[in-house]
Amino acid sequence: MLLGNKIDIDGGNSRVVSEKKAKDWCASKGNIPYFETSAKEDINVDAAFLSIAKSALAKEREQDIKEYGFLQHCRFRPSYL
């Protein structure tokens, strides 16, 4: 995820990187999410956080399935010593 921060400063006119350049870069990296944010004006802060949280939860679920998903298809019997 890429965040363009402090978009409230100077009405967004003091950008170092243009929105188009940032979006193009994100597209070239596999369409990673891009948000322009301002903590001061509360712009897109929640949306960016939710996107990160959803992504993290999805990856955790994916990892759990890879590690433990096969157990759903196994039958366990008591071992006899």
C-alpha atoms as a PDB file:
ATOM      1  CA  MET A   1       0.000   0.000   0.000  1.00  0.00           C
ATOM      2  CA  LEU A   2       1.171   3.492  -0.806  1.00  0.00           C
ATOM      3  CA  LEU A   3      -0.055   6.514   1.124  1.00  0.00           C
ATOM      4  CA  GLY A   4       0.215  10.062  -0.139  1.00  0.00           C
ATOM      5  CA  ASN A   5       0.136  11.996   3.121  1.00  0.00           C
ATOM      6  CA  LYS A   6      -0.517  15.630   4.055  1.00  0.00           C
ATOM      7  CA  ILE A   7      -2.748  16.331   1.072  1.00  0.00           C
ATOM      8  CA  ASP A   8      -4.290  19.189   3.067  1.00  0.00           C
ATOM      9  CA  ILE A   9      -1.128  21.331   2.864  1.00  0.00           C
ATOM     10  CA  ASP A  10      -1.468  24.245   0.447  1.00  0.00           C
ATOM     11  CA  GLY A  11      -4.619  22.726  -1.018  1.00  0.00           C
ATOM     12  CA  GLY A  12      -2.555  19.898  -2.466  1.00  0.00           C
ATOM     13  CA  ASN A  13      -0.528  22.309  -4.604  1.00  0.00           C
ATOM     14  CA  SER A  14       2.791  21.605  -2.906  1.00  0.00           C
ATOM     15  CA  ARG A  15       3.023  17.990  -4.049  1.00  0.00           C
ATOM     16  CA  VAL A  16       6.375  16.365  -4.529  1.00  0.00           C
ATOM     17  CA  VAL A  17       4.827  13.448  -6.458  1.00  0.00           C
ATOM     18  CA  SER A  18       1.770  13.857  -8.666  1.00  0.00           C
ATOM     19  CA  GLU A  19      -1.281  11.692  -8.071  1.00  0.00           C
ATOM     20  CA  LYS A  20      -0.928  10.272 -11.587  1.00  0.00           C
ATOM     21  CA  LYS A  21       2.718   9.345 -11.039  1.00  0.00           C
ATOM     22  CA  ALA A  22       1.861   7.646  -7.733  1.00  0.00           C
ATOM     23  CA  LYS A  23      -1.032   5.709  -9.291  1.00  0.00           C
ATOM     24  CA  ASP A  24       1.108   4.699 -12.272  1.00  0.00           C
ATOM     25  CA  TRP A  25       3.820   3.458  -9.911  1.00  0.00           C
ATOM     26  CA  CYS A  26       1.257   1.429  -7.952  1.00  0.00           C
ATOM     27  CA  ALA A  27      -0.063  -0.062 -11.192  1.00  0.00           C
ATOM     28  CA  SER A  28       3.471  -1.061 -12.207  1.00  0.00           C
ATOM     29  CA  LYS A  29       3.907  -2.882  -8.892  1.00  0.00           C
ATOM     30  CA  GLY A  30       0.867  -5.118  -9.308  1.00  0.00           C
ATOM     31  CA  ASN A  31      -1.917  -2.615  -8.653  1.00  0.00           C
ATOM     32  CA  ILE A  32      -1.109  -2.041  -5.018  1.00  0.00           C
ATOM     33  CA  PRO A  33      -3.659   0.147  -3.221  1.00  0.00           C
ATOM     34  CA  TYR A  34      -3.036   3.900  -3.172  1.00  0.00           C
ATOM     35  CA  PHE A  35      -4.640   6.384  -0.808  1.00  0.00           C
ATOM     36  CA  GLU A  36      -4.152  10.118  -0.494  1.00  0.00           C
ATOM     37  CA  THR A  37      -4.565  10.989   3.164  1.00  0.00           C
ATOM     38  CA  SER A  38      -4.631  13.814   5.648  1.00  0.00           C
ATOM     39  CA  ALA A  39      -4.625  13.049   9.348  1.00  0.00           C
ATOM     40  CA  LYS A  40      -5.260  16.723  10.078  1.00  0.00           C
ATOM     41  CA  GLU A  41      -8.424  16.854   7.954  1.00  0.00           C
ATOM     42  CA  ASP A  42      -9.332  13.178   8.558  1.00  0.00           C
ATOM     43  CA  ILE A  43      -9.284  12.333   4.855  1.00  0.00           C
ATOM     44  CA  ASN A  44      -9.015   8.642   3.907  1.00  0.00           C
ATOM     45  CA  VAL A  45      -7.317   7.698   7.192  1.00  0.00           C
ATOM     46  CA  ASP A  46     -10.031   5.181   8.109  1.00  0.00           C
ATOM     47  CA  ALA A  47     -10.224   3.807   4.560  1.00  0.00           C
ATOM     48  CA  ALA A  48      -6.459   3.262   4.435  1.00  0.00           C
ATOM     49  CA  PHE A  49      -6.425   1.592   7.848  1.00  0.00           C
ATOM     50  CA  LEU A  50      -9.335  -0.695   6.952  1.00  0.00           C
ATOM     51  CA  SER A  51      -7.632  -1.687   3.717  1.00  0.00           C
ATOM     52  CA  ILE A  52      -4.448  -2.610   5.592  1.00  0.00           C
ATOM     53  CA  ALA A  53      -6.406  -4.528   8.243  1.00  0.00           C
ATOM     54  CA  LYS A  54      -8.450  -6.470   5.672  1.00  0.00           C
ATOM     55  CA  SER A  55      -5.304  -7.356   3.752  1.00  0.00           C
ATOM     56  CA  ALA A  56      -3.538  -8.543   6.901  1.00  0.00           C
ATOM     57  CA  LEU A  57      -6.513 -10.686   7.949  1.00  0.00           C
ATOM     58  CA  ALA A  58      -6.804 -12.212   4.477  1.00  0.00           C
ATOM     59  CA  LYS A  59      -3.105 -13.103   4.469  1.00  0.00           C
ATOM     60  CA  GLU A  60      -3.385 -14.598   7.940  1.00  0.00           C
ATOM     61  CA  ARG A  61      -6.327 -16.761   6.829  1.00  0.00           C
ATOM     62  CA  GLU A  62      -4.421 -17.810   3.721  1.00  0.00           C
ATOM     63  CA  GLN A  63      -1.422 -18.794   5.835  1.00  0.00           C
ATOM     64  CA  ASP A  64      -3.635 -20.741   8.254  1.00  0.00           C
ATOM     65  CA  ILE A  65      -5.146 -22.670   5.349  1.00  0.00           C
ATOM     66  CA  LYS A  66      -1.704 -23.466   3.965  1.00  0.00           C
ATOM     67  CA  GLU A  67      -0.448 -24.642   7.336  1.00  0.00           C
ATOM     68  CA  TYR A  68      -3.537 -26.307   8.775  1.00  0.00           C
ATOM     69  CA  GLY A  69      -6.042 -26.693   5.949  1.00  0.00           C
ATOM     70  CA  PHE A  70      -4.872 -30.175   5.109  1.00  0.00           C
ATOM     71  CA  LEU A  71      -5.975 -31.339   8.568  1.00  0.00           C
ATOM     72  CA  GLN A  72      -9.613 -31.028   7.538  1.00  0.00           C
ATOM     73  CA  HIS A  73      -9.100 -33.876   5.076  1.00  0.00           C
ATOM     74  CA  CYS A  74      -7.305 -36.226   7.489  1.00  0.00           C
ATOM     75  CA  ARG A  75      -8.848 -38.916   9.614  1.00  0.00           C
ATOM     76  CA  PHE A  76      -7.170 -39.550  12.895  1.00  0.00           C
ATOM     77  CA  ARG A  77      -7.355 -42.844  14.741  1.00  0.00           C
ATOM     78  CA  PRO A  78      -6.084 -43.533  18.197  1.00  0.00           C
ATOM     79  CA  SER A  79      -2.606 -44.954  18.131  1.00  0.00           C
ATOM     80  CA  TYR A  80      -2.030 -48.242  19.842  1.00  0.00           C
ATOM     81  CA  LEU A  81       1.311 -48.721  21.526  1.00  0.00           C
END
